Every structure is written in structure tokens, then in C-alpha cells.
Amino acid sequence: MEPMKPMEPMKPMEPMKGSEPWWPQELGQPSSSGGQNGMRYAFFPDKQRLLVETDGKLITYDSGDHRISGVSQSNGQVPSFTTQDGDVNVNDLEVVD
């Protein structure tokens, strides 16, 4: 039986690159973001904007005084967002160009 050969030194790992933001850079960093069921969102309270992307289509909403902290969506229904005043349906928000 032949003796084991010594291991060769390992190459150092390169740091992982973070994913690029999918929202416009001028909005800054969202205070909350997430997604489920093929939909993702990002909320920007300083700009009063909620971005929702569904199947590659991005829609911007005026969030008004709402402070969005989460989302719920069931059985393909329109998402509702958790706010300081309770849930708000995305269809109740104004679309912004």
C-alpha cells in the first residue's frame, strides 16, 4: 500500500459579492423589503415610496403616511402591507409614474 500524499495548499476564497439593488439608486436604502410568491417589495419612508415588482413588472406607489413593515399575500391575491395603522391593500395606494 502506498502512503498518502500531502494535501496541496488551498487557494484563498474570494469574498462573496452582494446582489445589486433592484430599485433606483436615488431612493437610497429601504427601511423594509422582502418578497414571496414571485413578488418583491421595498419601502422608502423618507421618499414616501413603495416599490412592488411582480413577474418583472415594477410599480411605484405613494405610501403617504404609512410606515410599511411587512407584507402578506395568499393564493395569488393582491398583497397587503402591514403598517402602523393595520393592513393596507396595495390597490388602495396611488400609483406614481
PDB file of N, CA and C in Angstrom:
ATOM      1  N   MET A   1       0.845  -1.175   0.000  1.00  0.00           N
ATOM      2  CA  MET A   1       0.000   0.000   0.000  1.00  0.00           C
ATOM      3  C   MET A   1       0.891   1.240   0.000  1.00  0.00           C
ATOM      4  N   GLU A   2       0.521   2.188  -0.830  1.00  0.00           N
ATOM      5  CA  GLU A   2       1.291   3.423  -0.990  1.00  0.00           C
ATOM      6  C   GLU A   2       0.849   4.451   0.041  1.00  0.00           C
ATOM      7  N   PRO A   3       1.772   5.185   0.677  1.00  0.00           N
ATOM      8  CA  PRO A   3       1.365   6.181   1.676  1.00  0.00           C
ATOM      9  C   PRO A   3       0.626   7.350   1.020  1.00  0.00           C
ATOM     10  N   MET A   4      -0.198   7.990   1.827  1.00  0.00           N
ATOM     11  CA  MET A   4      -0.964   9.148   1.341  1.00  0.00           C
ATOM     12  C   MET A   4      -0.028  10.294   1.003  1.00  0.00           C
ATOM     13  N   LYS A   5      -0.389  11.024  -0.045  1.00  0.00           N
ATOM     14  CA  LYS A   5       0.389  12.199  -0.447  1.00  0.00           C
ATOM     15  C   LYS A   5      -0.110  13.406   0.351  1.00  0.00           C
ATOM     16  N   PRO A   6       0.779  14.334   0.652  1.00  0.00           N
ATOM     17  CA  PRO A   6       0.326  15.525   1.389  1.00  0.00           C
ATOM     18  C   PRO A   6      -0.652  16.346   0.562  1.00  0.00           C
ATOM     19  N   MET A   7      -1.549  17.022   1.252  1.00  0.00           N
ATOM     20  CA  MET A   7      -2.535  17.870   0.572  1.00  0.00           C
ATOM     21  C   MET A   7      -1.850  19.101  -0.001  1.00  0.00           C
ATOM     22  N   GLU A   8      -2.363  19.549  -1.132  1.00  0.00           N
ATOM     23  CA  GLU A   8      -1.853  20.788  -1.720  1.00  0.00           C
ATOM     24  C   GLU A   8      -2.515  21.961  -1.016  1.00  0.00           C
ATOM     25  N   PRO A   9      -1.814  23.095  -0.897  1.00  0.00           N
ATOM     26  CA  PRO A   9      -2.420  24.254  -0.221  1.00  0.00           C
ATOM     27  C   PRO A   9      -3.659  24.737  -0.973  1.00  0.00           C
ATOM     28  N   MET A  10      -4.624  25.198  -0.216  1.00  0.00           N
ATOM     29  CA  MET A  10      -5.863  25.709  -0.809  1.00  0.00           C
ATOM     30  C   MET A  10      -5.678  27.162  -1.208  1.00  0.00           C
ATOM     31  N   LYS A  11      -6.372  27.552  -2.280  1.00  0.00           N
ATOM     32  CA  LYS A  11      -6.383  28.957  -2.690  1.00  0.00           C
ATOM     33  C   LYS A  11      -7.304  29.721  -1.751  1.00  0.00           C
ATOM     34  N   PRO A  12      -6.950  30.971  -1.428  1.00  0.00           N
ATOM     35  CA  PRO A  12      -7.866  31.751  -0.581  1.00  0.00           C
ATOM     36  C   PRO A  12      -9.181  32.004  -1.311  1.00  0.00           C
ATOM     37  N   MET A  13     -10.254  31.988  -0.549  1.00  0.00           N
ATOM     38  CA  MET A  13     -11.575  32.238  -1.134  1.00  0.00           C
ATOM     39  C   MET A  13     -11.739  33.726  -1.405  1.00  0.00           C
ATOM     40  N   GLU A  14     -12.413  34.022  -2.505  1.00  0.00           N
ATOM     41  CA  GLU A  14     -12.748  35.418  -2.802  1.00  0.00           C
ATOM     42  C   GLU A  14     -13.999  35.780  -2.026  1.00  0.00           C
ATOM     43  N   PRO A  15     -14.091  37.016  -1.548  1.00  0.00           N
ATOM     44  CA  PRO A  15     -15.308  37.407  -0.819  1.00  0.00           C
ATOM     45  C   PRO A  15     -16.524  37.336  -1.732  1.00  0.00           C
ATOM     46  N   MET A  16     -17.652  36.969  -1.129  1.00  0.00           N
ATOM     47  CA  MET A  16     -18.898  36.915  -1.896  1.00  0.00           C
ATOM     48  C   MET A  16     -19.329  38.330  -2.249  1.00  0.00           C
ATOM     49  N   LYS A  17     -19.833  38.476  -3.446  1.00  0.00           N
ATOM     50  CA  LYS A  17     -20.344  39.777  -3.869  1.00  0.00           C
ATOM     51  C   LYS A  17     -21.821  39.850  -3.529  1.00  0.00           C
ATOM     52  N   GLY A  18     -22.222  40.969  -2.972  1.00  0.00           N
ATOM     53  CA  GLY A  18     -23.630  41.163  -2.658  1.00  0.00           C
ATOM     54  C   GLY A  18     -24.427  41.387  -3.934  1.00  0.00           C
ATOM     55  N   SER A  19     -25.689  41.096  -3.864  1.00  0.00           N
ATOM     56  CA  SER A  19     -26.517  41.312  -5.045  1.00  0.00           C
ATOM     57  C   SER A  19     -26.758  42.811  -5.234  1.00  0.00           C
ATOM     58  N   GLU A  20     -26.905  43.191  -6.461  1.00  0.00           N
ATOM     59  CA  GLU A  20     -27.167  44.593  -6.786  1.00  0.00           C
ATOM     60  C   GLU A  20     -28.611  44.935  -6.435  1.00  0.00           C
ATOM     61  N   PRO A  21     -28.858  46.127  -5.912  1.00  0.00           N
ATOM     62  CA  PRO A  21     -30.238  46.519  -5.619  1.00  0.00           C
ATOM     63  C   PRO A  21     -31.075  46.541  -6.904  1.00  0.00           C
ATOM     64  N   TRP A  22     -32.318  46.179  -6.780  1.00  0.00           N
ATOM     65  CA  TRP A  22     -33.210  46.154  -7.943  1.00  0.00           C
ATOM     66  C   TRP A  22     -34.038  47.434  -8.038  1.00  0.00           C
ATOM     67  N   TRP A  23     -33.882  48.329  -7.073  1.00  0.00           N
ATOM     68  CA  TRP A  23     -34.619  49.590  -7.079  1.00  0.00           C
ATOM     69  C   TRP A  23     -33.694  50.722  -7.526  1.00  0.00           C
ATOM     70  N   PRO A  24     -34.259  51.857  -7.969  1.00  0.00           N
ATOM     71  CA  PRO A  24     -33.440  53.005  -8.385  1.00  0.00           C
ATOM     72  C   PRO A  24     -32.554  53.504  -7.232  1.00  0.00           C
ATOM     73  N   GLN A  25     -31.307  53.777  -7.541  1.00  0.00           N
ATOM     74  CA  GLN A  25     -30.336  54.198  -6.529  1.00  0.00           C
ATOM     75  C   GLN A  25     -30.724  55.501  -5.830  1.00  0.00           C
ATOM     76  N   GLU A  26     -31.429  56.395  -6.528  1.00  0.00           N
ATOM     77  CA  GLU A  26     -31.775  57.684  -5.925  1.00  0.00           C
ATOM     78  C   GLU A  26     -32.745  57.541  -4.746  1.00  0.00           C
ATOM     79  N   LEU A  27     -33.353  56.375  -4.588  1.00  0.00           N
ATOM     80  CA  LEU A  27     -34.243  56.157  -3.444  1.00  0.00           C
ATOM     81  C   LEU A  27     -33.472  55.805  -2.177  1.00  0.00           C
ATOM     82  N   GLY A  28     -32.209  55.439  -2.302  1.00  0.00           N
ATOM     83  CA  GLY A  28     -31.412  55.073  -1.131  1.00  0.00           C
ATOM     84  C   GLY A  28     -31.663  53.643  -0.711  1.00  0.00           C
ATOM     85  N   GLN A  29     -31.574  53.405   0.605  1.00  0.00           N
ATOM     86  CA  GLN A  29     -31.796  52.076   1.164  1.00  0.00           C
ATOM     87  C   GLN A  29     -33.207  51.980   1.733  1.00  0.00           C
ATOM     88  N   PRO A  30     -33.910  50.885   1.456  1.00  0.00           N
ATOM     89  CA  PRO A  30     -35.256  50.739   2.010  1.00  0.00           C
ATOM     90  C   PRO A  30     -35.204  50.454   3.507  1.00  0.00           C
ATOM     91  N   SER A  31     -36.262  50.862   4.222  1.00  0.00           N
ATOM     92  CA  SER A  31     -36.348  50.538   5.646  1.00  0.00           C
ATOM     93  C   SER A  31     -36.884  49.129   5.833  1.00  0.00           C
ATOM     94  N   SER A  32     -37.626  48.642   4.839  1.00  0.00           N
ATOM     95  CA  SER A  32     -38.072  47.251   4.853  1.00  0.00           C
ATOM     96  C   SER A  32     -38.174  46.773   3.413  1.00  0.00           C
ATOM     97  N   SER A  33     -37.928  45.505   3.231  1.00  0.00           N
ATOM     98  CA  SER A  33     -38.037  44.891   1.915  1.00  0.00           C
ATOM     99  C   SER A  33     -38.222  43.403   2.108  1.00  0.00           C
ATOM    100  N   GLY A  34     -38.711  42.760   1.076  1.00  0.00           N
ATOM    101  CA  GLY A  34     -38.930  41.322   1.153  1.00  0.00           C
ATOM    102  C   GLY A  34     -39.678  40.855  -0.069  1.00  0.00           C
ATOM    103  N   GLY A  35     -40.155  39.648  -0.006  1.00  0.00           N
ATOM    104  CA  GLY A  35     -40.897  39.128  -1.132  1.00  0.00           C
ATOM    105  C   GLY A  35     -41.410  37.733  -0.868  1.00  0.00           C
ATOM    106  N   GLN A  36     -42.327  37.322  -1.704  1.00  0.00           N
ATOM    107  CA  GLN A  36     -42.892  35.982  -1.658  1.00  0.00           C
ATOM    108  C   GLN A  36     -43.734  35.767  -2.894  1.00  0.00           C
ATOM    109  N   ASN A  37     -43.900  34.524  -3.285  1.00  0.00           N
ATOM    110  CA  ASN A  37     -44.792  34.145  -4.393  1.00  0.00           C
ATOM    111  C   ASN A  37     -44.542  34.947  -5.666  1.00  0.00           C
ATOM    112  N   GLY A  38     -43.273  35.142  -6.066  1.00  0.00           N
ATOM    113  CA  GLY A  38     -42.963  35.848  -7.304  1.00  0.00           C
ATOM    114  C   GLY A  38     -43.104  37.354  -7.225  1.00  0.00           C
ATOM    115  N   MET A  39     -43.281  37.893  -6.012  1.00  0.00           N
ATOM    116  CA  MET A  39     -43.429  39.327  -5.816  1.00  0.00           C
ATOM    117  C   MET A  39     -42.369  39.769  -4.807  1.00  0.00           C
ATOM    118  N   ARG A  40     -41.810  40.968  -5.022  1.00  0.00           N
ATOM    119  CA  ARG A  40     -40.911  41.552  -4.030  1.00  0.00           C
ATOM    120  C   ARG A  40     -41.243  43.027  -3.876  1.00  0.00           C
ATOM    121  N   TYR A  41     -40.877  43.565  -2.704  1.00  0.00           N
ATOM    122  CA  TYR A  41     -41.188  44.962  -2.426  1.00  0.00           C
ATOM    123  C   TYR A  41     -40.027  45.617  -1.697  1.00  0.00           C
ATOM    124  N   ALA A  42     -39.981  46.943  -1.764  1.00  0.00           N
ATOM    125  CA  ALA A  42     -39.030  47.747  -1.000  1.00  0.00           C
ATOM    126  C   ALA A  42     -39.752  49.037  -0.615  1.00  0.00           C
ATOM    127  N   PHE A  43     -39.610  49.425   0.651  1.00  0.00           N
ATOM    128  CA  PHE A  43     -40.298  50.607   1.173  1.00  0.00           C
ATOM    129  C   PHE A  43     -39.281  51.668   1.578  1.00  0.00           C
ATOM    130  N   PHE A  44     -39.510  52.889   1.107  1.00  0.00           N
ATOM    131  CA  PHE A  44     -38.617  54.028   1.345  1.00  0.00           C
ATOM    132  C   PHE A  44     -39.405  55.126   2.054  1.00  0.00           C
ATOM    133  N   PRO A  45     -39.396  55.157   3.392  1.00  0.00           N
ATOM    134  CA  PRO A  45     -40.239  56.108   4.123  1.00  0.00           C
ATOM    135  C   PRO A  45     -39.880  57.571   3.890  1.00  0.00           C
ATOM    136  N   ASP A  46     -38.598  57.874   3.730  1.00  0.00           N
ATOM    137  CA  ASP A  46     -38.205  59.277   3.530  1.00  0.00           C
ATOM    138  C   ASP A  46     -38.736  59.831   2.215  1.00  0.00           C
ATOM    139  N   LYS A  47     -38.914  58.971   1.241  1.00  0.00           N
ATOM    140  CA  LYS A  47     -39.434  59.385  -0.071  1.00  0.00           C
ATOM    141  C   LYS A  47     -40.931  59.098  -0.200  1.00  0.00           C
ATOM    142  N   GLN A  48     -41.510  58.446   0.799  1.00  0.00           N
ATOM    143  CA  GLN A  48     -42.913  58.014   0.773  1.00  0.00           C
ATOM    144  C   GLN A  48     -43.212  57.180  -0.471  1.00  0.00           C
ATOM    145  N   ARG A  49     -42.341  56.183  -0.698  1.00  0.00           N
ATOM    146  CA  ARG A  49     -42.481  55.331  -1.878  1.00  0.00           C
ATOM    147  C   ARG A  49     -42.436  53.863  -1.498  1.00  0.00           C
ATOM    148  N   LEU A  50     -43.306  53.103  -2.137  1.00  0.00           N
ATOM    149  CA  LEU A  50     -43.328  51.649  -2.038  1.00  0.00           C
ATOM    150  C   LEU A  50     -43.158  51.120  -3.449  1.00  0.00           C
ATOM    151  N   LEU A  51     -42.141  50.296  -3.665  1.00  0.00           N
ATOM    152  CA  LEU A  51     -41.912  49.675  -4.961  1.00  0.00           C
ATOM    153  C   LEU A  51     -42.319  48.220  -4.863  1.00  0.00           C
ATOM    154  N   VAL A  52     -43.104  47.776  -5.831  1.00  0.00           N
ATOM    155  CA  VAL A  52     -43.545  46.386  -5.882  1.00  0.00           C
ATOM    156  C   VAL A  52     -43.211  45.849  -7.267  1.00  0.00           C
ATOM    157  N   GLU A  53     -42.472  44.750  -7.297  1.00  0.00           N
ATOM    158  CA  GLU A  53     -42.145  44.106  -8.560  1.00  0.00           C
ATOM    159  C   GLU A  53     -42.797  42.734  -8.581  1.00  0.00           C
ATOM    160  N   THR A  54     -43.595  42.505  -9.617  1.00  0.00           N
ATOM    161  CA  THR A  54     -44.260  41.226  -9.801  1.00  0.00           C
ATOM    162  C   THR A  54     -43.980  40.736 -11.210  1.00  0.00           C
ATOM    163  N   ASP A  55     -43.388  39.554 -11.299  1.00  0.00           N
ATOM    164  CA  ASP A  55     -43.061  38.955 -12.598  1.00  0.00           C
ATOM    165  C   ASP A  55     -42.307  39.922 -13.506  1.00  0.00           C
ATOM    166  N   GLY A  56     -41.358  40.666 -12.952  1.00  0.00           N
ATOM    167  CA  GLY A  56     -40.520  41.580 -13.722  1.00  0.00           C
ATOM    168  C   GLY A  56     -41.124  42.944 -13.984  1.00  0.00           C
ATOM    169  N   LYS A  57     -42.363  43.177 -13.573  1.00  0.00           N
ATOM    170  CA  LYS A  57     -43.007  44.479 -13.777  1.00  0.00           C
ATOM    171  C   LYS A  57     -42.926  45.284 -12.479  1.00  0.00           C
ATOM    172  N   LEU A  58     -42.305  46.459 -12.546  1.00  0.00           N
ATOM    173  CA  LEU A  58     -42.097  47.305 -11.371  1.00  0.00           C
ATOM    174  C   LEU A  58     -43.131  48.426 -11.334  1.00  0.00           C
ATOM    175  N   ILE A  59     -43.812  48.545 -10.196  1.00  0.00           N
ATOM    176  CA  ILE A  59     -44.791  49.613  -9.989  1.00  0.00           C
ATOM    177  C   ILE A  59     -44.380  50.394  -8.745  1.00  0.00           C
ATOM    178  N   THR A  60     -44.438  51.725  -8.836  1.00  0.00           N
ATOM    179  CA  THR A  60     -44.110  52.602  -7.713  1.00  0.00           C
ATOM    180  C   THR A  60     -45.403  53.188  -7.162  1.00  0.00           C
ATOM    181  N   TYR A  61     -45.553  53.113  -5.830  1.00  0.00           N
ATOM    182  CA  TYR A  61     -46.735  53.630  -5.155  1.00  0.00           C
ATOM    183  C   TYR A  61     -46.339  54.753  -4.202  1.00  0.00           C
ATOM    184  N   ASP A  62     -47.256  55.714  -4.017  1.00  0.00           N
ATOM    185  CA  ASP A  62     -47.109  56.737  -2.988  1.00  0.00           C
ATOM    186  C   ASP A  62     -47.615  56.102  -1.699  1.00  0.00           C
ATOM    187  N   SER A  63     -46.739  55.966  -0.715  1.00  0.00           N
ATOM    188  CA  SER A  63     -47.123  55.304   0.535  1.00  0.00           C
ATOM    189  C   SER A  63     -47.750  56.265   1.535  1.00  0.00           C
ATOM    190  N   GLY A  64     -47.737  57.557   1.228  1.00  0.00           N
ATOM    191  CA  GLY A  64     -48.339  58.534   2.129  1.00  0.00           C
ATOM    192  C   GLY A  64     -47.731  58.464   3.515  1.00  0.00           C
ATOM    193  N   ASP A  65     -48.573  58.453   4.544  1.00  0.00           N
ATOM    194  CA  ASP A  65     -48.105  58.416   5.933  1.00  0.00           C
ATOM    195  C   ASP A  65     -47.896  56.998   6.451  1.00  0.00           C
ATOM    196  N   HIS A  66     -48.116  56.003   5.604  1.00  0.00           N
ATOM    197  CA  HIS A  66     -47.969  54.614   6.043  1.00  0.00           C
ATOM    198  C   HIS A  66     -46.499  54.281   6.294  1.00  0.00           C
ATOM    199  N   ARG A  67     -46.249  53.554   7.352  1.00  0.00           N
ATOM    200  CA  ARG A  67     -44.919  53.022   7.680  1.00  0.00           C
ATOM    201  C   ARG A  67     -44.993  51.513   7.492  1.00  0.00           C
ATOM    202  N   ILE A  68     -44.522  51.043   6.366  1.00  0.00           N
ATOM    203  CA  ILE A  68     -44.673  49.645   5.985  1.00  0.00           C
ATOM    204  C   ILE A  68     -43.572  48.805   6.616  1.00  0.00           C
ATOM    205  N   SER A  69     -43.995  47.707   7.241  1.00  0.00           N
ATOM    206  CA  SER A  69     -43.033  46.844   7.921  1.00  0.00           C
ATOM    207  C   SER A  69     -43.113  45.390   7.476  1.00  0.00           C
ATOM    208  N   GLY A  70     -44.082  45.035   6.649  1.00  0.00           N
ATOM    209  CA  GLY A  70     -44.200  43.657   6.203  1.00  0.00           C
ATOM    210  C   GLY A  70     -45.261  43.508   5.143  1.00  0.00           C
ATOM    211  N   VAL A  71     -45.379  42.298   4.619  1.00  0.00           N
ATOM    212  CA  VAL A  71     -46.334  42.020   3.548  1.00  0.00           C
ATOM    213  C   VAL A  71     -46.979  40.667   3.795  1.00  0.00           C
ATOM    214  N   SER A  72     -48.213  40.520   3.318  1.00  0.00           N
ATOM    215  CA  SER A  72     -48.872  39.214   3.320  1.00  0.00           C
ATOM    216  C   SER A  72     -49.607  39.064   1.996  1.00  0.00           C
ATOM    217  N   GLN A  73     -49.607  37.843   1.517  1.00  0.00           N
ATOM    218  CA  GLN A  73     -50.232  37.556   0.229  1.00  0.00           C
ATOM    219  C   GLN A  73     -50.616  36.090   0.259  1.00  0.00           C
ATOM    220  N   SER A  74     -51.846  35.787  -0.105  1.00  0.00           N
ATOM    221  CA  SER A  74     -52.254  34.384  -0.090  1.00  0.00           C
ATOM    222  C   SER A  74     -53.008  34.031  -1.363  1.00  0.00           C
ATOM    223  N   ASN A  75     -52.743  32.850  -1.854  1.00  0.00           N
ATOM    224  CA  ASN A  75     -53.438  32.292  -3.025  1.00  0.00           C
ATOM    225  C   ASN A  75     -53.472  33.242  -4.209  1.00  0.00           C
ATOM    226  N   GLY A  76     -52.350  33.914  -4.492  1.00  0.00           N
ATOM    227  CA  GLY A  76     -52.271  34.776  -5.660  1.00  0.00           C
ATOM    228  C   GLY A  76     -53.057  36.069  -5.541  1.00  0.00           C
ATOM    229  N   GLN A  77     -53.559  36.360  -4.351  1.00  0.00           N
ATOM    230  CA  GLN A  77     -54.314  37.597  -4.174  1.00  0.00           C
ATOM    231  C   GLN A  77     -53.368  38.792  -4.158  1.00  0.00           C
ATOM    232  N   VAL A  78     -53.954  39.970  -4.264  1.00  0.00           N
ATOM    233  CA  VAL A  78     -53.200  41.221  -4.216  1.00  0.00           C
ATOM    234  C   VAL A  78     -52.552  41.327  -2.836  1.00  0.00           C
ATOM    235  N   PRO A  79     -51.292  41.764  -2.763  1.00  0.00           N
ATOM    236  CA  PRO A  79     -50.632  41.835  -1.460  1.00  0.00           C
ATOM    237  C   PRO A  79     -51.201  42.940  -0.562  1.00  0.00           C
ATOM    238  N   SER A  80     -51.161  42.660   0.735  1.00  0.00           N
ATOM    239  CA  SER A  80     -51.490  43.647   1.759  1.00  0.00           C
ATOM    240  C   SER A  80     -50.221  43.913   2.553  1.00  0.00           C
ATOM    241  N   PHE A  81     -50.038  45.166   2.936  1.00  0.00           N
ATOM    242  CA  PHE A  81     -48.831  45.554   3.651  1.00  0.00           C
ATOM    243  C   PHE A  81     -49.179  45.932   5.084  1.00  0.00           C
ATOM    244  N   THR A  82     -48.342  45.484   6.008  1.00  0.00           N
ATOM    245  CA  THR A  82     -48.510  45.783   7.418  1.00  0.00           C
ATOM    246  C   THR A  82     -47.982  47.186   7.687  1.00  0.00           C
ATOM    247  N   THR A  83     -48.816  48.021   8.322  1.00  0.00           N
ATOM    248  CA  THR A  83     -48.428  49.394   8.643  1.00  0.00           C
ATOM    249  C   THR A  83     -48.714  49.657  10.119  1.00  0.00           C
ATOM    250  N   GLN A  84     -48.362  50.839  10.580  1.00  0.00           N
ATOM    251  CA  GLN A  84     -48.614  51.228  11.964  1.00  0.00           C
ATOM    252  C   GLN A  84     -50.103  51.316  12.263  1.00  0.00           C
ATOM    253  N   ASP A  85     -50.946  51.435  11.223  1.00  0.00           N
ATOM    254  CA  ASP A  85     -52.390  51.547  11.401  1.00  0.00           C
ATOM    255  C   ASP A  85     -53.148  50.286  10.999  1.00  0.00           C
ATOM    256  N   GLY A  86     -52.431  49.205  10.765  1.00  0.00           N
ATOM    257  CA  GLY A  86     -53.073  47.973  10.313  1.00  0.00           C
ATOM    258  C   GLY A  86     -52.708  47.682   8.868  1.00  0.00           C
ATOM    259  N   ASP A  87     -53.338  46.670   8.291  1.00  0.00           N
ATOM    260  CA  ASP A  87     -53.014  46.259   6.931  1.00  0.00           C
ATOM    261  C   ASP A  87     -53.598  47.215   5.892  1.00  0.00           C
ATOM    262  N   VAL A  88     -52.827  47.436   4.820  1.00  0.00           N
ATOM    263  CA  VAL A  88     -53.246  48.278   3.706  1.00  0.00           C
ATOM    264  C   VAL A  88     -53.086  47.465   2.423  1.00  0.00           C
ATOM    265  N   ASN A  89     -54.176  47.375   1.657  1.00  0.00           N
ATOM    266  CA  ASN A  89     -54.135  46.685   0.372  1.00  0.00           C
ATOM    267  C   ASN A  89     -53.394  47.560  -0.630  1.00  0.00           C
ATOM    268  N   VAL A  90     -52.533  46.946  -1.447  1.00  0.00           N
ATOM    269  CA  VAL A  90     -51.744  47.718  -2.413  1.00  0.00           C
ATOM    270  C   VAL A  90     -52.641  48.480  -3.387  1.00  0.00           C
ATOM    271  N   ASN A  91     -53.834  47.967  -3.663  1.00  0.00           N
ATOM    272  CA  ASN A  91     -54.761  48.659  -4.568  1.00  0.00           C
ATOM    273  C   ASN A  91     -55.314  49.948  -3.965  1.00  0.00           C
ATOM    274  N   ASP A  92     -55.145  50.145  -2.658  1.00  0.00           N
ATOM    275  CA  ASP A  92     -55.600  51.370  -2.004  1.00  0.00           C
ATOM    276  C   ASP A  92     -54.566  52.481  -2.037  1.00  0.00           C
ATOM    277  N   LEU A  93     -53.385  52.185  -2.600  1.00  0.00           N
ATOM    278  CA  LEU A  93     -52.320  53.189  -2.708  1.00  0.00           C
ATOM    279  C   LEU A  93     -52.306  53.765  -4.118  1.00  0.00           C
ATOM    280  N   GLU A  94     -51.890  55.022  -4.229  1.00  0.00           N
ATOM    281  CA  GLU A  94     -51.825  55.707  -5.509  1.00  0.00           C
ATOM    282  C   GLU A  94     -50.567  55.300  -6.279  1.00  0.00           C
ATOM    283  N   VAL A  95     -50.736  54.952  -7.558  1.00  0.00           N
ATOM    284  CA  VAL A  95     -49.598  54.623  -8.414  1.00  0.00           C
ATOM    285  C   VAL A  95     -48.911  55.907  -8.848  1.00  0.00           C
ATOM    286  N   VAL A  96     -47.574  55.900  -8.812  1.00  0.00           N
ATOM    287  CA  VAL A  96     -46.760  57.055  -9.201  1.00  0.00           C
ATOM    288  C   VAL A  96     -45.967  56.666 -10.429  1.00  0.00           C
ATOM    289  N   ASP A  97     -45.843  57.588 -11.391  1.00  0.00           N
ATOM    290  CA  ASP A  97     -45.040  57.299 -12.591  1.00  0.00           C
ATOM    291  C   ASP A  97     -43.572  57.401 -12.294  1.00  0.00           C
TER     292      ASP A  97
END
